[in-house]
């Protein structure tokens, strides 16, 4: 199942699970619609614990994002994807766990 948007950029959202693609389509399109690039976004359920891999491919390369089942809220997915694509998200220093975006530690 695939979903496309038009306008100045083209965004394709697809995956093997129609339910998962439908659930994440709007937050993904919202996160990527402001960019001036075309993206192919693959959404896959992986592992026995309900993790979801969102793989974003654009002209500059591919960004794989892994979400736990409890992290699939629309606002969270949109925020993480937008931060990853626009470069505002940074990885924690080695030896430290990643924390939610916008939260103080």
Protein backbone atom coordinates (compact mmCIF):
# COMPACT_ATOMS: atom_id res chain seq x y z
CA UNK A 1 0.00 0.00 0.00
CA UNK A 2 1.41 3.42 -0.95
CA UNK A 3 0.39 7.00 -0.34
CA UNK A 4 1.60 10.00 -2.32
CA UNK A 5 1.46 13.77 -1.90
CA UNK A 6 1.97 16.33 -4.60
CA UNK A 7 3.05 19.96 -4.62
CA UNK A 8 6.66 21.11 -4.71
CA UNK A 9 7.83 17.78 -3.30
CA UNK A 10 6.79 14.19 -3.66
CA UNK A 11 6.44 11.96 -0.62
CA UNK A 12 5.68 8.26 -0.89
CA UNK A 13 4.69 6.34 2.25
CA UNK A 14 4.52 2.56 1.88
CA UNK A 15 4.97 -0.74 3.67
CA UNK A 16 3.64 -4.27 3.95
CA UNK A 17 1.10 -3.48 6.67
CA UNK A 18 -1.79 -1.31 5.46
CA UNK A 19 -2.84 -0.75 9.08
CA UNK A 20 0.59 0.56 10.06
CA UNK A 21 0.93 2.73 6.95
CA UNK A 22 -2.54 4.20 7.57
CA UNK A 23 -1.69 4.89 11.21
CA UNK A 24 1.58 6.72 10.46
CA UNK A 25 0.76 8.35 7.10
CA UNK A 26 -0.47 11.71 8.42
CA UNK A 27 2.30 12.27 11.01
CA UNK A 28 4.93 11.35 8.40
CA UNK A 29 3.45 13.60 5.74
CA UNK A 30 3.13 16.43 8.26
CA UNK A 31 6.78 16.06 9.27
CA UNK A 32 8.10 15.94 5.71
CA UNK A 33 5.77 18.26 3.81
CA UNK A 34 7.75 21.41 4.67
CA UNK A 35 10.98 20.07 3.18
CA UNK A 36 11.99 20.89 -0.37
CA UNK A 37 12.87 17.31 -1.20
CA UNK A 38 11.22 14.15 -2.37
CA UNK A 39 11.13 11.24 0.04
CA UNK A 40 10.30 7.55 -0.03
CA UNK A 41 9.24 6.38 3.43
CA UNK A 42 9.00 2.67 4.21
CA UNK A 43 7.16 1.58 7.36
CA UNK A 44 7.81 -1.95 8.65
CA UNK A 45 6.88 -3.85 11.81
CA UNK A 46 9.94 -5.71 13.05
CA UNK A 47 10.73 -7.97 15.95
CA UNK A 48 8.45 -9.73 18.42
CA UNK A 49 8.02 -6.67 20.68
CA UNK A 50 6.10 -4.49 18.22
CA UNK A 51 8.93 -2.21 17.11
CA UNK A 52 8.40 -0.19 13.94
CA UNK A 53 11.19 0.77 11.54
CA UNK A 54 10.58 3.97 9.58
CA UNK A 55 13.15 4.26 6.82
CA UNK A 56 13.29 7.66 5.09
CA UNK A 57 15.15 7.82 1.78
CA UNK A 58 15.91 11.14 0.08
CA UNK A 59 18.45 12.58 -2.30
CA UNK A 60 21.08 12.85 0.46
CA UNK A 61 20.78 9.30 1.77
CA UNK A 62 18.67 7.18 4.11
CA UNK A 63 17.67 7.67 7.75
CA UNK A 64 16.44 4.61 9.66
CA UNK A 65 14.33 5.38 12.75
CA UNK A 66 13.24 2.68 15.16
CA UNK A 67 10.15 3.29 17.31
CA UNK A 68 8.92 1.17 20.17
CA UNK A 69 5.24 0.27 20.27
CA UNK A 70 4.70 2.89 23.00
CA UNK A 71 6.34 5.62 20.86
CA UNK A 72 3.88 5.54 17.95
CA UNK A 73 1.84 8.57 18.96
CA UNK A 74 1.27 10.91 16.01
CA UNK A 75 2.88 13.96 17.63
CA UNK A 76 5.95 11.99 18.74
CA UNK A 77 6.50 10.32 15.36
CA UNK A 78 6.09 13.63 13.54
CA UNK A 79 8.49 15.43 15.90
CA UNK A 80 11.20 12.75 15.70
CA UNK A 81 10.98 12.48 11.90
CA UNK A 82 11.07 16.24 11.40
CA UNK A 83 14.04 16.60 13.76
CA UNK A 84 15.93 13.79 12.05
CA UNK A 85 15.35 15.15 8.56
CA UNK A 86 16.10 18.81 9.31
CA UNK A 87 19.14 17.91 11.42
CA UNK A 88 17.91 19.39 14.72
CA UNK A 89 18.08 16.03 16.50
CA UNK A 90 21.47 14.96 17.78
CA UNK A 91 22.55 11.63 19.15
CA UNK A 92 23.49 11.42 22.82
CA UNK A 93 27.15 11.05 23.78
CA UNK A 94 28.46 7.47 23.79
CA UNK A 95 27.35 5.57 26.86
CA UNK A 96 24.17 7.62 27.41
CA UNK A 97 20.63 6.65 26.42
CA UNK A 98 18.60 8.80 24.07
CA UNK A 99 15.82 10.75 25.74
CA UNK A 100 12.61 12.17 24.35
CA UNK A 101 12.81 15.32 22.26
CA UNK A 102 12.13 18.55 24.05
CA UNK A 103 12.39 17.09 27.54
CA UNK A 104 14.94 18.19 30.06
CA UNK A 105 17.08 15.53 31.69
